[in-house]
Protein backbone atom coordinates (compact mmCIF):
# COMPACT_ATOMS: atom_id res chain seq x y z
CA MET A 1 4.37 -9.26 -29.44
CA ALA A 2 3.38 -7.59 -26.19
CA GLU A 3 1.36 -9.61 -23.71
CA ILE A 4 -2.11 -8.37 -22.75
CA ILE A 5 -2.86 -9.45 -19.19
CA GLY A 6 -6.39 -9.14 -17.83
CA TYR A 7 -7.42 -9.08 -14.20
CA ASP A 8 -8.66 -12.62 -13.61
CA GLU A 9 -6.05 -14.32 -15.76
CA GLY A 10 -3.20 -12.41 -14.15
CA GLU A 11 -4.39 -12.79 -10.57
CA ALA A 12 -4.73 -16.57 -10.90
CA ARG A 13 -0.94 -16.86 -11.21
CA MET A 14 0.11 -14.59 -8.34
CA THR A 15 0.90 -15.13 -4.67
CA TRP A 16 1.49 -12.67 -1.87
CA PRO A 17 4.82 -14.22 -0.80
CA GLY A 18 5.94 -14.15 -4.44
CA LEU A 19 5.12 -10.47 -4.74
CA CYS A 20 6.90 -9.61 -1.46
CA THR A 21 10.02 -11.36 -2.75
CA ALA A 22 9.80 -9.43 -6.03
CA LEU A 23 9.48 -6.10 -4.19
CA GLU A 24 12.42 -6.89 -1.95
CA VAL A 25 14.60 -7.95 -4.89
CA GLY A 26 13.54 -4.84 -6.80
CA HIS A 27 15.03 -2.68 -4.06
CA THR A 28 18.46 -4.28 -4.52
CA LEU A 29 18.60 -2.63 -7.96
CA PRO A 30 19.57 1.00 -8.61
CA ARG A 31 17.17 3.58 -7.17
CA ALA A 32 14.23 4.24 -9.45
CA GLN A 33 13.66 7.36 -11.50
CA ILE A 34 10.07 8.46 -10.89
CA THR A 35 7.79 11.15 -12.28
CA ASP A 36 4.08 11.97 -12.06
CA SER A 37 1.99 14.15 -14.37
CA PHE A 38 -1.61 15.38 -14.14
CA LEU A 39 -4.09 16.64 -16.72
CA TYR A 40 -7.46 18.11 -15.72
CA ARG A 41 -10.86 18.81 -17.24
CA GLY A 42 -13.11 20.17 -14.54
CA ALA A 43 -13.50 17.41 -11.96
CA ASP A 44 -11.97 14.78 -14.27
CA THR A 45 -8.29 13.85 -14.03
CA LEU A 46 -5.71 11.92 -16.03
CA LEU A 47 -2.81 10.84 -13.80
CA SER A 48 0.25 9.27 -15.38
CA ARG A 49 2.92 7.77 -13.17
CA ALA A 50 6.19 6.64 -14.74
CA ALA A 51 9.17 4.75 -13.34
CA TRP A 52 12.43 3.41 -14.72
CA ILE A 53 14.66 1.00 -12.85
CA ASP A 54 17.95 0.14 -14.51
CA GLY A 55 18.02 -3.63 -14.90
CA LEU A 56 14.27 -4.12 -14.47
CA GLY A 57 12.42 -1.99 -17.00
CA LEU A 58 10.09 0.94 -17.50
CA ALA A 59 6.42 1.35 -16.65
CA VAL A 60 3.79 3.99 -17.24
CA LYS A 61 0.61 3.65 -15.17
CA SER A 62 -2.21 5.86 -16.42
CA ALA A 63 -5.30 6.42 -14.30
CA THR A 64 -8.45 8.27 -15.31
CA ILE A 65 -10.51 9.60 -12.41
CA PHE A 66 -14.04 10.58 -13.49
CA PRO A 67 -16.11 11.23 -10.33
CA GLY A 68 -19.31 11.58 -12.36
CA ASN A 69 -19.16 7.95 -13.42
CA ALA A 70 -20.70 6.86 -10.12
CA ALA A 71 -24.02 8.40 -11.15
CA ARG A 72 -23.98 6.19 -14.26
CA ASP A 73 -23.03 3.08 -12.29
CA LEU A 74 -19.56 3.05 -13.83
CA PRO A 75 -16.20 2.81 -12.02
CA SER A 76 -14.81 6.24 -11.17
CA VAL A 77 -11.19 5.10 -11.57
CA ASN A 78 -9.93 3.29 -14.67
CA GLY A 79 -6.65 2.97 -16.51
CA GLY A 80 -3.91 0.67 -17.65
CA VAL A 81 -0.23 -0.11 -17.17
CA SER A 82 2.26 -0.24 -20.03
CA LEU A 83 5.44 -2.19 -19.23
CA TYR A 84 8.53 -1.74 -21.41
CA SER A 85 11.73 -3.71 -21.86
CA ASP A 86 14.81 -2.32 -20.11
CA SER A 87 17.09 -3.59 -22.87
CA ASP A 88 15.46 -2.15 -25.99
CA GLY A 89 12.43 -0.09 -24.88
CA THR A 90 9.90 -2.26 -26.69
CA LEU A 91 6.44 -2.79 -25.20
CA SER A 92 6.48 -5.96 -23.07
CA ALA A 93 2.94 -5.98 -21.71
CA ILE A 94 -0.28 -4.09 -21.17
CA ILE A 95 -1.64 -5.02 -17.75
CA ASP A 96 -5.00 -4.36 -16.14
CA PHE A 97 -4.84 -1.23 -13.99
CA HIS A 98 -6.92 -2.65 -11.14
CA LEU A 99 -4.80 -5.81 -10.95
CA VAL A 100 -1.57 -3.82 -10.54
CA THR A 101 -3.08 -1.37 -8.06
CA LYS A 102 -4.63 -4.04 -5.85
CA TRP A 103 -1.51 -6.13 -5.52
CA LYS A 104 0.92 -3.20 -5.33
CA THR A 105 -1.01 -1.45 -2.56
CA ALA A 106 -1.57 -4.44 -0.28
CA GLY A 107 1.79 -6.02 -1.12
CA ASP A 108 3.59 -2.81 -0.16
CA SER A 109 2.03 -2.93 3.30
CA LEU A 110 2.52 -6.67 3.65
CA LEU A 111 6.24 -6.49 2.97
CA ALA A 112 6.60 -3.87 5.70
CA ALA A 113 4.57 -5.93 8.15
CA THR A 114 6.75 -8.99 7.60
CA LYS A 115 9.75 -6.89 8.64
CA LEU A 116 8.21 -4.67 11.35
CA ALA A 117 5.29 -6.47 13.00
CA ARG A 118 5.87 -9.00 15.76
CA LYS A 119 5.91 -12.52 14.36
CA ASP A 120 3.36 -13.58 16.99
CA SER A 121 0.83 -10.91 15.96
CA ARG A 122 -2.66 -12.40 16.12
CA ASP A 123 -5.17 -9.52 16.33
CA ILE A 124 -5.34 -7.40 13.17
CA LEU A 125 -7.57 -4.35 12.93
CA ILE A 126 -8.56 -3.05 9.49
CA VAL A 127 -9.64 0.60 9.59
CA GLY A 128 -11.85 1.32 6.59
CA ALA A 129 -13.97 -1.12 4.63
CA GLY A 130 -13.43 -0.29 0.97
CA SER A 131 -11.89 -2.39 -1.78
CA VAL A 132 -8.39 -1.95 -0.35
CA ALA A 133 -9.58 -3.46 2.94
CA ARG A 134 -10.48 -6.71 1.17
CA SER A 135 -7.03 -6.85 -0.40
CA LEU A 136 -5.43 -6.22 2.99
CA HIS A 137 -7.42 -9.07 4.52
CA ALA A 138 -6.15 -11.44 1.82
CA ALA A 139 -2.56 -10.20 2.03
CA TYR A 140 -2.25 -10.23 5.81
CA SER A 141 -3.94 -13.64 6.00
CA SER A 142 -1.12 -15.08 3.90
CA ALA A 143 1.60 -13.98 6.33
CA PHE A 144 -0.38 -14.27 9.57
CA PRO A 145 -2.57 -17.36 8.95
CA ASP A 146 -3.72 -17.62 12.58
CA ALA A 147 -4.75 -13.98 12.86
CA ARG A 148 -8.16 -12.77 14.00
CA PHE A 149 -9.45 -9.82 11.96
CA THR A 150 -11.62 -6.94 13.10
CA VAL A 151 -12.90 -4.07 10.95
CA TRP A 152 -13.92 -0.56 11.96
CA ASN A 153 -15.58 1.75 9.48
CA ARG A 154 -17.35 5.10 9.74
CA SER A 155 -20.41 3.41 8.28
CA ARG A 156 -21.42 0.18 9.97
CA ALA A 157 -23.10 -0.89 6.72
CA GLY A 158 -19.71 -0.79 5.01
CA ALA A 159 -18.17 -2.86 7.79
CA GLU A 160 -20.98 -5.39 7.45
CA ARG A 161 -20.34 -5.72 3.73
CA LEU A 162 -16.65 -6.41 4.37
CA ALA A 163 -17.45 -8.95 7.08
CA ALA A 164 -19.84 -10.72 4.72
CA ALA A 165 -17.19 -10.86 2.00
CA CYS A 166 -14.45 -12.01 4.38
CA PRO A 167 -15.83 -14.73 6.69
CA GLY A 168 -14.51 -14.59 10.24
CA VAL A 169 -14.04 -10.81 10.31
CA THR A 170 -15.75 -9.20 13.31
CA ILE A 171 -17.02 -5.63 13.50
CA ALA A 172 -15.80 -3.04 16.02
CA ASP A 173 -18.09 -0.19 17.02
CA ASP A 174 -15.50 1.83 18.96
CA LEU A 175 -12.26 2.72 17.19
CA GLU A 176 -10.25 3.51 20.32
CA THR A 177 -11.05 0.17 21.94
CA ALA A 178 -10.26 -1.68 18.73
CA VAL A 179 -6.91 0.08 18.27
CA ARG A 180 -5.85 -0.55 21.88
CA SER A 181 -6.50 -4.29 21.56
CA ALA A 182 -4.84 -4.89 18.17
CA ASP A 183 -1.36 -6.21 17.42
CA ILE A 184 -1.47 -4.73 13.91
CA VAL A 185 -3.53 -1.72 12.83
CA THR A 186 -3.82 -1.31 9.05
CA SER A 187 -5.69 1.78 7.91
CA ALA A 188 -7.01 2.53 4.42
CA THR A 189 -9.44 5.44 4.61
CA MET A 190 -10.08 8.73 2.85
CA ALA A 191 -9.56 10.69 6.07
CA THR A 192 -8.16 14.22 5.90
CA GLU A 193 -8.01 14.58 9.69
CA PRO A 194 -6.30 11.99 11.92
CA LEU A 195 -8.44 9.07 13.03
CA ILE A 196 -5.78 7.13 14.93
CA ARG A 197 -4.49 8.72 18.14
CA GLY A 198 -1.02 8.08 19.44
CA ASP A 199 -2.32 7.97 23.00
CA TRP A 200 -4.19 4.79 22.07
CA LEU A 201 -1.13 2.88 20.88
CA GLN A 202 0.27 0.02 22.95
CA PRO A 203 3.79 -1.41 23.24
CA GLY A 204 4.60 -3.92 20.53
CA GLN A 205 2.04 -2.72 17.99
CA HIS A 206 2.61 -2.20 14.29
CA VAL A 207 0.67 0.58 12.53
CA ASP A 208 0.27 0.50 8.75
CA LEU A 209 -1.03 3.73 7.15
CA ILE A 210 -2.24 3.53 3.55
CA GLY A 211 -5.08 5.99 2.98
CA ALA A 212 -3.45 9.41 2.85
CA PHE A 213 -2.15 10.14 -0.65
CA ARG A 214 -2.61 13.93 -0.96
CA PRO A 215 -0.79 16.74 0.86
CA ASP A 216 -3.94 17.51 2.90
CA MET A 217 -4.65 13.96 4.10
CA ARG A 218 -3.72 12.23 7.36
CA GLU A 219 -4.82 9.11 9.23
CA ALA A 220 -2.66 9.34 12.39
CA ASP A 221 -1.87 12.26 14.68
CA ASP A 222 1.46 13.79 15.70
CA THR A 223 1.61 11.76 18.89
CA ALA A 224 1.47 8.50 16.94
CA LEU A 225 4.45 9.56 14.85
CA GLN A 226 6.34 10.76 17.92
CA ARG A 227 5.79 7.56 19.91
CA ALA A 228 6.62 5.14 17.09
CA ARG A 229 9.69 4.17 15.14
CA VAL A 230 8.69 5.44 11.68
CA PHE A 231 9.39 3.78 8.32
CA VAL A 232 8.28 4.49 4.73
CA ASP A 233 8.39 2.63 1.45
CA SER A 234 10.24 5.53 -0.19
CA ARG A 235 11.48 8.81 1.26
CA ASP A 236 11.29 10.32 -2.23
CA THR A 237 7.53 9.79 -2.62
CA THR A 238 6.32 10.41 0.94
CA LEU A 239 8.14 13.04 2.99
CA ASP A 240 7.42 16.10 0.84
CA HIS A 241 4.27 14.92 -0.89
CA ILE A 242 1.89 13.19 1.52
CA GLY A 243 0.19 14.98 4.40
CA GLU A 244 0.83 12.11 6.80
CA LEU A 245 4.45 13.26 6.98
CA LYS A 246 4.51 16.60 5.17
CA ILE A 247 2.18 18.33 7.64
CA PRO A 248 4.02 17.31 10.85
CA LEU A 249 7.35 18.04 9.17
CA GLN A 250 6.20 21.57 8.34
CA SER A 251 4.88 22.15 11.87
CA GLY A 252 8.04 20.83 13.50
CA ALA A 253 6.21 17.97 15.24
CA ILE A 254 8.73 15.60 13.66
CA SER A 255 12.00 15.96 11.76
CA ARG A 256 13.25 14.20 8.65
CA ASP A 257 15.39 12.04 10.94
CA THR A 258 12.17 10.67 12.45
CA VAL A 259 11.89 8.47 9.35
CA LEU A 260 14.43 5.77 10.10
CA ALA A 261 14.48 3.80 6.87
CA ASP A 262 12.81 3.04 3.57
CA TYR A 263 12.89 -0.10 1.44
CA TYR A 264 16.26 0.78 -0.02
CA ASP A 265 17.63 0.22 3.50
CA LEU A 266 16.40 -3.38 3.67
CA GLN A 267 19.78 -4.82 2.74
CA GLY A 268 21.58 -2.87 5.45
CA GLY A 269 19.23 -4.11 8.15
CA ALA A 270 17.85 -0.70 9.17
CA PHE A 271 14.32 -1.55 8.06
CA ALA A 272 13.52 -3.87 10.98
CA ARG A 273 11.91 -4.20 14.39
CA ARG A 274 14.45 -4.15 17.21
CA THR A 275 12.42 -5.21 20.25
CA ASP A 276 9.03 -6.76 20.99
CA ASP A 277 7.95 -3.70 22.98
CA GLU A 278 8.55 -0.91 20.50
CA ILE A 279 5.78 0.60 18.37
CA THR A 280 6.49 0.58 14.63
CA LEU A 281 4.68 2.75 12.09
CA PHE A 282 4.84 2.40 8.32
CA LYS A 283 3.61 4.87 5.71
CA ASN A 284 2.61 3.21 2.46
CA GLY A 285 3.19 5.81 -0.26
CA GLY A 286 2.78 3.46 -3.22
CA GLY A 287 5.08 5.16 -5.72
CA ALA A 288 5.36 4.38 -9.41
CA HIS A 289 8.50 2.29 -8.83
CA LEU A 290 6.33 -0.17 -6.88
CA ASP A 291 3.88 -0.30 -9.79
CA LEU A 292 6.84 -1.19 -12.01
CA MET A 293 8.08 -3.93 -9.67
CA THR A 294 4.58 -5.35 -9.33
CA SER A 295 3.99 -5.26 -13.08
CA ARG A 296 7.25 -7.07 -13.73
CA TYR A 297 6.24 -9.73 -11.19
CA ILE A 298 2.86 -10.12 -12.90
CA LEU A 299 4.50 -10.52 -16.31
CA ASP A 300 7.05 -13.03 -14.99
CA ALA A 301 4.28 -15.08 -13.36
CA TRP A 302 2.27 -14.89 -16.59
CA GLN A 303 5.15 -16.05 -18.78
CA THR A 304 5.99 -19.00 -16.54
CA ARG A 305 2.41 -20.33 -16.61
CA PRO A 306 2.01 -23.94 -17.80
CA ALA A 307 1.46 -24.32 -21.52
CA SER A 308 -2.20 -24.90 -22.40
């Protein structure tokens, strides 16, 4: 019988280091097959993302986006994840959509930071103050336990809510000043025009870009990409699909060779910081293969729980 894993029950058995290990191991397996499909009814959307990794399994993550729900005090994004056995195709688990999304998104960025950020990073700037920002605070705290966190948000009220939820987080009023003084900049916004300027970046920084997910969205400008050593989680799901890279590729500001490595290059050592002075930049694309790896980790953690 398939397991049904809810948010609270599943999260209680997970750790950020455990997820990072699962993501890294997942990239030692054959490259994933990935596909996305969309159905529309006016402003409402059904997005289905599917992935199959030989030796790991199959997953279909379905998301419903109903913008009008906000007016009825209901979540605008809902969904579920169906995880299937690689050996016989049977349903292994149905997992809460929000649980998979939270851990996949922040875990994706955390794995990159453990490889690309300086080990002595202490000042972490979170750009944006939504639900992803809270996950990033938890994830980065696990790998950088002595870090000091600052948040910048377009709305100070949003920054204040994040600071209240995450004790010890301070609020920045000026984005440029905050970026210049950070060791790690992690950005999760809905920006369509760049917020982060390459001229602000300092030697030794690591920049983590999460927010842009459509072809018309960007969080960092051309100069940032040109000054940094650039990495992605997957070339297949970022270069030709997400504005962060698609737009500067089309304009000629960067070339495909600008992207030095993705997670499938971890074993060969290309996905790594070389010196303390270089600037590294990571684009979190969050493809369906990462949903699959995260879902498999959740199920494994669930099945190894102590008997009640």
